[in-house]
Amino acid sequence: MAKQTIRDFAVENKRVLVRVDFNVPLDKVTGEVADDTRIRATLPTIRYLIDRGAKVILISHLGRPDGKVVESLRLDPVARRLSELLGMPVRKLDDCVGPEVEETVRAMQPGEVVLLENVRFHPEEEANDPAFCRDLATLANVFVNDAFGTAHRAHASTAGVADYLPAVAGFLMEKELKFLGDVLTSPARPFVAVIGGAKVGTKIGVLQSLLTKADRVLIGGGMANTFLLAQGNRIGASLAEPDKTELARHLLDQARAAGVELLLPVDAVIADRIDAAAETRIVDIASGVPDGWSIVDIGPKTIARYREALQGTKTVLWNGPMGIFEIPPFAEGTRAIAAALAELDAITIVGGGESVAAVQQLGYADRITHISTGGGATLEFLEGRELPGVACLHDKMPER
């Protein structure tokens, strides 16, 4: 069911509490925002509200302060960067609830923006405490969730506050639900999923879901090693989950039964240690990986095979790197997938930190249809699970 958005609510002169995901990296030396991607992603929603005379109250978390005030996790640097991006002052308050916050919010003028302090300084946030939810709700007339990246959390500021306020989606949330929802319900075909990352265990649900929806699934990264092990291949000292080999065999059987082509690496880059200065070789998987050596990336034959498998597709979902992307000599497979997606005439959706980093670093971001801001939320959504931060939003009324 489609969700109502800020277009469906008259926001003029209303106090609007907007849950944003400003959990951004800070520079270790300066303390300033090191990557403002998540801040920029919310600008369309914030500007829409400003332009229509709303009083915009932003709320976010930063890091994991575990319910305590942590000075290094205050949101002052975020407020400074947001002020620069909006070209107007954004006042950062020293708390997110309490009399002083309420007084400041009551005095706001239409078009003004304030940023509340890190909501996770309060243990009641992650506990979804009803009294804390009510305190947040007293600040506003309507709740807008534009933080898809935290929508899988049943926290006060992501879901609980919606028990006390009308709740609608922001534009970023709307975009995530549209593109990821289409993947689950009506993808343009052929639909190919490229799934990487370290472990099968973290993506069981996603793989099981995609094997009922995709026409082809390409596997890379450390998780491919568990599949290779399950097939009886020698993988040396490579990262794998031996206790998940039976699961991997089940997934291979599921793919065959569903008529879904599931591709695994046929060759690999291997290294004598996990280090940028390591000695590396390229080996065929069928020949086995020598003892003491580890698979660190997909090899050139696999890259060519995967690029060919992507040709002619109409929808591609990519989540997870093909190798140890953070070490440059082991990143070629991930870079190749990013380049291949950028060349396609298809709906391309990228999620997951390393995958997103690859398309951004290579300058392909503007050639990707949708870059998901969710991590765990994206995975849970693709599994078909209900996300608390989405379920709490008002459904769009059917057109008559």
Protein backbone atom coordinates (compact mmCIF):
# COMPACT_ATOMS: atom_id res chain seq x y z
CA MET A 1 0.00 0.00 0.00
CA ALA A 2 1.37 3.41 -1.00
CA LYS A 3 1.90 5.84 1.85
CA GLN A 4 0.73 9.42 2.21
CA THR A 5 3.45 12.03 1.81
CA ILE A 6 3.95 15.66 2.74
CA ARG A 7 2.05 16.53 -0.45
CA ASP A 8 -1.08 15.09 1.19
CA PHE A 9 -0.90 17.32 4.28
CA ALA A 10 -1.40 21.09 4.51
CA VAL A 11 1.84 22.15 6.20
CA GLU A 12 1.56 25.94 6.05
CA ASN A 13 2.23 27.43 9.49
CA LYS A 14 2.29 23.92 10.96
CA ARG A 15 5.04 22.60 13.23
CA VAL A 16 6.45 19.60 11.36
CA LEU A 17 8.63 17.04 13.15
CA VAL A 18 10.85 15.43 10.52
CA ARG A 19 12.83 12.28 11.34
CA VAL A 20 15.97 12.49 9.22
CA ASP A 21 19.01 10.24 9.07
CA PHE A 22 21.92 12.54 9.85
CA ASN A 23 24.06 9.67 11.14
CA VAL A 24 27.01 10.94 9.09
CA PRO A 25 30.75 10.37 9.47
CA LEU A 26 32.69 13.14 11.19
CA ASP A 27 36.29 14.05 10.44
CA LYS A 28 38.50 12.69 13.23
CA VAL A 29 40.69 15.79 13.21
CA THR A 30 38.30 18.70 12.65
CA GLY A 31 35.09 17.13 13.97
CA GLU A 32 33.23 18.49 10.94
CA VAL A 33 31.03 16.44 8.61
CA ALA A 34 33.21 14.24 6.42
CA ASP A 35 30.49 13.01 4.05
CA ASP A 36 27.25 14.96 3.67
CA THR A 37 25.47 12.50 1.34
CA ARG A 38 22.72 11.72 3.85
CA ILE A 39 22.19 15.39 4.60
CA ARG A 40 21.87 16.23 0.91
CA ALA A 41 19.38 13.39 0.46
CA THR A 42 16.89 15.12 2.78
CA LEU A 43 17.14 18.59 1.20
CA PRO A 44 14.14 18.18 -1.15
CA THR A 45 11.86 17.43 1.82
CA ILE A 46 13.26 20.24 3.97
CA ARG A 47 13.11 22.81 1.17
CA TYR A 48 9.55 21.81 0.28
CA LEU A 49 8.47 22.46 3.87
CA ILE A 50 10.37 25.74 4.11
CA ASP A 51 8.90 26.99 0.83
CA ARG A 52 5.38 26.28 2.11
CA GLY A 53 5.80 28.11 5.38
CA ALA A 54 6.14 25.15 7.71
CA LYS A 55 8.07 25.34 10.98
CA VAL A 56 10.60 22.56 10.45
CA ILE A 57 11.82 20.57 13.47
CA LEU A 58 14.47 18.03 12.52
CA ILE A 59 15.33 15.04 14.69
CA SER A 60 18.10 12.49 14.19
CA HIS A 61 20.56 10.23 15.91
CA LEU A 62 24.33 10.18 15.48
CA GLY A 63 26.43 7.17 16.40
CA ARG A 64 25.70 4.92 19.37
CA PRO A 65 25.80 6.94 22.58
CA ASP A 66 23.80 4.22 24.40
CA GLY A 67 21.40 6.60 26.10
CA LYS A 68 24.07 8.94 27.47
CA VAL A 69 25.30 12.39 26.45
CA VAL A 70 28.52 11.97 24.46
CA GLU A 71 30.07 15.32 23.59
CA SER A 72 31.69 14.05 20.39
CA LEU A 73 28.29 12.90 19.11
CA ARG A 74 26.48 16.22 19.40
CA LEU A 75 24.84 17.40 16.19
CA ASP A 76 26.43 20.88 16.04
CA PRO A 77 28.65 20.01 13.01
CA VAL A 78 25.59 18.66 11.21
CA ALA A 79 23.68 21.90 11.86
CA ARG A 80 26.60 23.90 10.48
CA ARG A 81 26.74 21.84 7.29
CA LEU A 82 22.97 21.90 6.84
CA SER A 83 23.01 25.70 7.23
CA GLU A 84 25.57 25.90 4.43
CA LEU A 85 23.56 23.63 2.15
CA LEU A 86 20.28 25.46 2.76
CA GLY A 87 21.86 28.91 2.64
CA MET A 88 20.09 29.90 5.85
CA PRO A 89 20.66 29.53 9.60
CA VAL A 90 19.69 26.27 11.26
CA ARG A 91 19.53 26.53 15.03
CA LYS A 92 20.73 23.46 16.91
CA LEU A 93 19.08 22.93 20.28
CA ASP A 94 20.82 21.32 23.24
CA ASP A 95 18.16 18.68 23.82
CA CYS A 96 15.22 17.11 22.00
CA VAL A 97 12.58 17.34 24.75
CA GLY A 98 11.86 19.53 27.76
CA PRO A 99 10.55 23.01 28.55
CA GLU A 100 13.34 24.94 26.81
CA VAL A 101 12.87 22.95 23.61
CA GLU A 102 9.10 23.41 23.76
CA GLU A 103 9.48 27.15 24.30
CA THR A 104 11.87 27.52 21.37
CA VAL A 105 9.61 25.53 19.08
CA ARG A 106 6.53 27.53 20.06
CA ALA A 107 8.37 30.75 19.11
CA MET A 108 9.35 29.51 15.64
CA GLN A 109 8.26 31.48 12.61
CA PRO A 110 7.08 29.95 9.30
CA GLY A 111 10.03 28.81 7.19
CA GLU A 112 12.42 28.45 10.12
CA VAL A 113 14.40 25.27 10.78
CA VAL A 114 15.72 23.89 14.05
CA LEU A 115 17.71 20.71 14.64
CA LEU A 116 17.11 18.89 17.90
CA GLU A 117 20.00 17.28 19.78
CA ASN A 118 20.97 13.64 19.21
CA VAL A 119 17.84 11.71 20.15
CA ARG A 120 19.84 8.68 21.28
CA PHE A 121 21.21 10.66 24.21
CA HIS A 122 17.95 9.52 25.80
CA PRO A 123 17.61 5.79 26.59
CA GLU A 124 13.86 6.17 26.07
CA GLU A 125 14.45 6.59 22.32
CA GLU A 126 15.56 3.03 21.60
CA ALA A 127 13.13 1.70 24.23
CA ASN A 128 10.27 3.41 22.33
CA ASP A 129 9.04 4.71 25.68
CA PRO A 130 5.42 6.00 25.38
CA ALA A 131 6.00 9.02 27.64
CA PHE A 132 9.03 10.03 25.57
CA CYS A 133 6.98 9.57 22.38
CA ARG A 134 4.32 11.90 23.79
CA ASP A 135 6.96 14.48 24.72
CA LEU A 136 8.26 14.46 21.14
CA ALA A 137 4.73 14.64 19.77
CA THR A 138 3.90 17.77 21.79
CA LEU A 139 6.44 19.64 19.66
CA ALA A 140 4.55 19.28 16.40
CA ASN A 141 1.30 19.06 14.48
CA VAL A 142 2.47 16.36 12.07
CA PHE A 143 5.23 13.75 11.89
CA VAL A 144 7.22 13.17 8.70
CA ASN A 145 9.53 10.17 8.42
CA ASP A 146 12.26 10.78 5.85
CA ALA A 147 14.80 8.41 7.42
CA PHE A 148 14.49 5.15 5.52
CA GLY A 149 17.85 4.05 6.92
CA THR A 150 16.34 3.76 10.41
CA ALA A 151 12.86 2.62 9.37
CA HIS A 152 13.58 -0.94 10.52
CA ARG A 153 13.93 0.33 14.10
CA ALA A 154 10.85 0.54 16.32
CA HIS A 155 12.20 3.57 18.17
CA ALA A 156 10.35 6.60 19.56
CA SER A 157 11.45 8.99 16.81
CA THR A 158 11.01 6.48 13.96
CA ALA A 159 7.69 4.89 14.83
CA GLY A 160 6.36 5.53 18.35
CA VAL A 161 5.68 9.23 17.87
CA ALA A 162 3.25 8.29 15.08
CA ASP A 163 0.87 6.98 17.76
CA TYR A 164 0.25 10.61 18.74
CA LEU A 165 0.57 12.56 15.47
CA PRO A 166 -0.57 12.25 11.85
CA ALA A 167 2.34 10.50 10.11
CA VAL A 168 3.39 10.81 6.45
CA ALA A 169 6.45 10.12 4.32
CA GLY A 170 9.04 12.61 3.14
CA PHE A 171 10.32 12.58 -0.42
CA LEU A 172 13.37 10.41 0.32
CA MET A 173 11.21 7.81 2.06
CA GLU A 174 8.75 7.94 -0.83
CA LYS A 175 11.55 7.36 -3.34
CA GLU A 176 12.99 4.41 -1.41
CA LEU A 177 9.58 2.75 -1.10
CA LYS A 178 8.86 3.21 -4.79
CA PHE A 179 12.08 1.79 -6.20
CA LEU A 180 12.54 -1.02 -3.68
CA GLY A 181 8.82 -1.77 -3.73
CA ASP A 182 8.85 -2.12 -7.51
CA VAL A 183 11.69 -4.65 -7.21
CA LEU A 184 9.50 -6.81 -4.99
CA THR A 185 6.23 -6.44 -6.85
CA SER A 186 6.70 -5.52 -10.51
CA PRO A 187 10.33 -5.28 -11.71
CA ALA A 188 10.95 -4.63 -15.38
CA ARG A 189 12.40 -7.84 -16.75
CA PRO A 190 14.91 -9.37 -17.11
CA PHE A 191 15.66 -8.62 -13.44
CA VAL A 192 19.17 -9.41 -12.15
CA ALA A 193 20.31 -9.23 -8.53
CA VAL A 194 24.01 -8.85 -7.70
CA ILE A 195 24.65 -9.81 -4.09
CA GLY A 196 28.02 -9.61 -2.33
CA GLY A 197 29.43 -8.94 1.09
CA ALA A 198 31.10 -11.05 3.69
CA LYS A 199 28.53 -13.51 4.98
CA VAL A 200 25.63 -15.58 3.72
CA GLY A 201 24.14 -15.52 7.22
CA THR A 202 23.32 -11.80 7.08
CA LYS A 203 21.56 -12.09 3.72
CA ILE A 204 19.67 -15.38 3.95
CA GLY A 205 16.29 -13.68 3.88
CA VAL A 206 17.25 -11.41 0.98
CA LEU A 207 18.55 -14.33 -1.09
CA GLN A 208 15.48 -16.44 -0.38
CA SER A 209 13.23 -13.53 -1.35
CA LEU A 210 15.15 -12.65 -4.52
CA LEU A 211 15.20 -16.27 -5.68
CA THR A 212 11.41 -15.98 -5.99
CA LYS A 213 11.61 -12.71 -7.95
CA ALA A 214 14.84 -12.38 -9.93
CA ASP A 215 15.62 -14.00 -13.26
CA ARG A 216 19.32 -14.25 -12.43
CA VAL A 217 21.41 -13.83 -9.27
CA LEU A 218 25.16 -13.11 -9.29
CA ILE A 219 27.05 -13.89 -6.09
CA GLY A 220 30.39 -12.38 -5.04
CA GLY A 221 32.36 -11.34 -2.00
CA GLY A 222 33.12 -13.50 1.00
CA MET A 223 29.64 -15.02 0.91
CA ALA A 224 30.44 -16.67 -2.43
CA ASN A 225 33.14 -18.69 -0.66
CA THR A 226 30.55 -20.49 1.43
CA PHE A 227 28.71 -21.52 -1.74
CA LEU A 228 31.98 -22.65 -3.31
CA LEU A 229 32.79 -24.66 -0.19
CA ALA A 230 29.33 -26.22 -0.31
CA GLN A 231 30.10 -27.40 -3.86
CA GLY A 232 33.24 -29.15 -2.66
CA ASN A 233 35.78 -26.59 -3.85
CA ARG A 234 39.04 -26.03 -1.94
CA ILE A 235 39.09 -22.40 -0.73
CA GLY A 236 42.31 -22.34 1.34
CA ALA A 237 42.21 -19.80 4.17
CA SER A 238 39.37 -17.79 2.60
CA LEU A 239 36.66 -16.26 4.76
CA ALA A 240 33.68 -18.63 4.80
CA GLU A 241 30.93 -19.95 7.05
CA PRO A 242 31.32 -23.75 7.16
CA ASP A 243 28.22 -24.01 9.33
CA LYS A 244 26.18 -22.42 6.52
CA THR A 245 27.17 -24.85 3.74
CA GLU A 246 23.94 -26.82 4.08
CA LEU A 247 22.02 -23.56 3.77
CA ALA A 248 24.05 -22.66 0.68
CA ARG A 249 23.18 -26.03 -0.90
CA HIS A 250 19.52 -25.41 -0.09
CA LEU A 251 19.67 -22.00 -1.80
CA LEU A 252 21.30 -23.56 -4.87
CA ASP A 253 18.50 -26.16 -4.95
CA GLN A 254 15.91 -23.40 -4.52
CA ALA A 255 17.37 -21.52 -7.47
CA ARG A 256 17.30 -24.61 -9.69
CA ALA A 257 13.71 -25.40 -8.70
CA ALA A 258 12.64 -21.83 -9.45
CA GLY A 259 14.45 -21.75 -12.78
CA VAL A 260 16.66 -18.89 -11.57
CA GLU A 261 20.22 -18.81 -12.86
CA LEU A 262 22.54 -18.43 -9.84
CA LEU A 263 26.10 -17.59 -10.91
CA LEU A 264 29.16 -18.08 -8.73
CA PRO A 265 32.78 -17.05 -9.36
CA VAL A 266 34.73 -19.26 -11.78
CA ASP A 267 38.07 -17.65 -10.92
CA ALA A 268 39.41 -15.44 -8.16
CA VAL A 269 42.18 -13.14 -7.06
CA ILE A 270 43.92 -14.76 -4.11
CA ALA A 271 46.44 -13.30 -1.67
CA ASP A 272 48.94 -14.73 0.79
CA ARG A 273 47.66 -12.28 3.41
CA ILE A 274 45.00 -9.58 3.75
CA ASP A 275 47.20 -6.59 3.11
CA ALA A 276 47.65 -4.08 0.29
CA ALA A 277 51.27 -5.26 -0.11
CA ALA A 278 50.34 -8.96 -0.28
CA GLU A 279 51.46 -11.27 -3.04
CA THR A 280 48.50 -12.05 -5.30
CA ARG A 281 47.64 -14.61 -7.96
CA ILE A 282 44.67 -15.43 -10.16
CA VAL A 283 43.38 -19.00 -9.91
CA ASP A 284 40.51 -20.96 -11.40
CA ILE A 285 38.06 -22.04 -8.73
CA ALA A 286 38.05 -25.59 -10.11
CA SER A 287 41.80 -25.83 -9.47
CA GLY A 288 41.37 -24.91 -5.81
CA VAL A 289 42.98 -22.28 -3.58
CA PRO A 290 46.32 -23.29 -2.03
CA ASP A 291 46.56 -23.67 1.73
CA GLY A 292 47.28 -20.39 3.49
CA TRP A 293 45.95 -18.28 0.61
CA SER A 294 42.65 -16.39 0.63
CA ILE A 295 40.16 -15.31 -2.02
CA VAL A 296 40.09 -11.50 -1.95
CA ASP A 297 38.20 -10.63 -5.15
CA ILE A 298 36.49 -12.13 -8.17
CA GLY A 299 38.84 -12.84 -11.08
CA PRO A 300 38.86 -11.54 -14.69
CA LYS A 301 36.89 -14.49 -16.11
CA THR A 302 34.18 -13.94 -13.51
CA ILE A 303 34.12 -10.21 -14.21
CA ALA A 304 33.61 -10.92 -17.91
CA ARG A 305 30.94 -13.53 -17.14
CA TYR A 306 29.07 -11.19 -14.81
CA ARG A 307 29.25 -8.28 -17.24
CA GLU A 308 27.77 -10.52 -19.93
CA ALA A 309 25.03 -11.66 -17.53
CA LEU A 310 24.06 -8.02 -16.99
CA GLN A 311 23.65 -7.21 -20.67
CA GLY A 312 20.08 -6.70 -21.83
CA THR A 313 18.67 -6.52 -18.32
CA LYS A 314 15.92 -4.04 -17.46
CA THR A 315 16.26 -4.00 -13.66
CA VAL A 316 19.42 -4.55 -11.59
CA LEU A 317 19.68 -4.56 -7.82
CA TRP A 318 23.21 -4.52 -6.38
CA ASN A 319 24.00 -4.95 -2.71
CA GLY A 320 27.46 -5.77 -1.41
CA PRO A 321 31.04 -5.73 -2.78
CA MET A 322 32.64 -8.45 -4.87
CA GLY A 323 35.86 -8.48 -2.84
CA ILE A 324 37.66 -6.71 -0.01
CA PHE A 325 36.86 -3.35 -1.54
CA GLU A 326 38.46 -1.24 1.18
CA ILE A 327 41.91 -2.56 0.13
CA PRO A 328 42.55 -1.05 -3.34
CA PRO A 329 44.34 -4.05 -4.95
CA PHE A 330 41.32 -6.21 -4.04
CA ALA A 331 38.67 -3.82 -5.39
CA GLU A 332 38.73 -4.43 -9.14
CA GLY A 333 35.71 -6.74 -9.18
CA THR A 334 33.58 -4.24 -7.29
CA ARG A 335 34.76 -1.42 -9.55
CA ALA A 336 33.91 -3.50 -12.63
CA ILE A 337 30.36 -4.14 -11.45
CA ALA A 338 29.92 -0.42 -10.76
CA ALA A 339 31.13 0.43 -14.26
CA ALA A 340 28.88 -2.22 -15.82
CA LEU A 341 25.79 -0.84 -14.08
CA ALA A 342 26.63 2.70 -15.19
CA GLU A 343 26.62 1.56 -18.82
CA LEU A 344 23.24 -0.18 -18.73
CA ASP A 345 19.99 1.12 -20.18
CA ALA A 346 18.07 -0.20 -17.19
CA ILE A 347 16.64 0.65 -13.81
CA THR A 348 19.66 0.29 -11.54
CA ILE A 349 19.38 0.26 -7.75
CA VAL A 350 22.44 0.22 -5.50
CA GLY A 351 22.41 -0.31 -1.73
CA GLY A 352 25.00 -1.21 0.88
CA GLY A 353 27.94 0.89 2.01
CA GLU A 354 30.73 -0.49 -0.18
CA SER A 355 28.52 -0.73 -3.28
CA VAL A 356 27.42 2.88 -2.84
CA ALA A 357 31.01 3.95 -2.16
CA ALA A 358 32.13 2.27 -5.39
CA VAL A 359 29.67 4.10 -7.64
CA GLN A 360 30.39 7.39 -5.87
CA GLN A 361 34.19 7.09 -5.94
CA LEU A 362 34.16 6.20 -9.63
CA GLY A 363 31.86 9.09 -10.50
CA TYR A 364 28.97 6.88 -11.59
CA ALA A 365 26.41 7.98 -9.00
CA ASP A 366 24.54 10.21 -11.44
CA ARG A 367 24.22 7.25 -13.83
CA ILE A 368 22.55 5.01 -11.24
CA THR A 369 18.76 5.22 -11.11
CA HIS A 370 18.49 4.99 -7.34
CA ILE A 371 21.10 4.82 -4.57
CA SER A 372 19.46 3.50 -1.42
CA THR A 373 20.27 5.27 1.84
CA GLY A 374 19.29 2.22 3.87
CA GLY A 375 21.61 -0.48 5.15
CA GLY A 376 19.80 -2.94 7.36
CA ALA A 377 16.49 -1.31 6.41
CA THR A 378 17.07 -2.05 2.74
CA LEU A 379 17.87 -5.68 3.44
CA GLU A 380 14.85 -6.16 5.70
CA PHE A 381 12.56 -4.48 3.17
CA LEU A 382 13.85 -6.73 0.38
CA GLU A 383 13.22 -9.74 2.59
CA GLY A 384 9.58 -8.67 2.59
CA ARG A 385 9.53 -7.77 6.27
CA GLU A 386 7.35 -4.95 7.58
CA LEU A 387 9.40 -1.97 8.73
CA PRO A 388 8.03 -0.17 11.83
CA GLY A 389 9.00 3.24 10.47
CA VAL A 390 6.98 2.55 7.32
CA ALA A 391 4.05 0.68 8.84
CA CYS A 392 3.26 3.67 11.09
CA LEU A 393 2.70 6.02 8.14
CA HIS A 394 -0.81 6.73 6.87
CA ASP A 395 -1.83 4.75 3.80
CA LYS A 396 -2.64 6.72 0.68
CA MET A 397 -6.36 6.70 0.00
CA PRO A 398 -7.33 4.80 -3.15
CA GLU A 399 -8.35 7.02 -6.06
CA ARG A 400 -12.05 7.02 -6.77
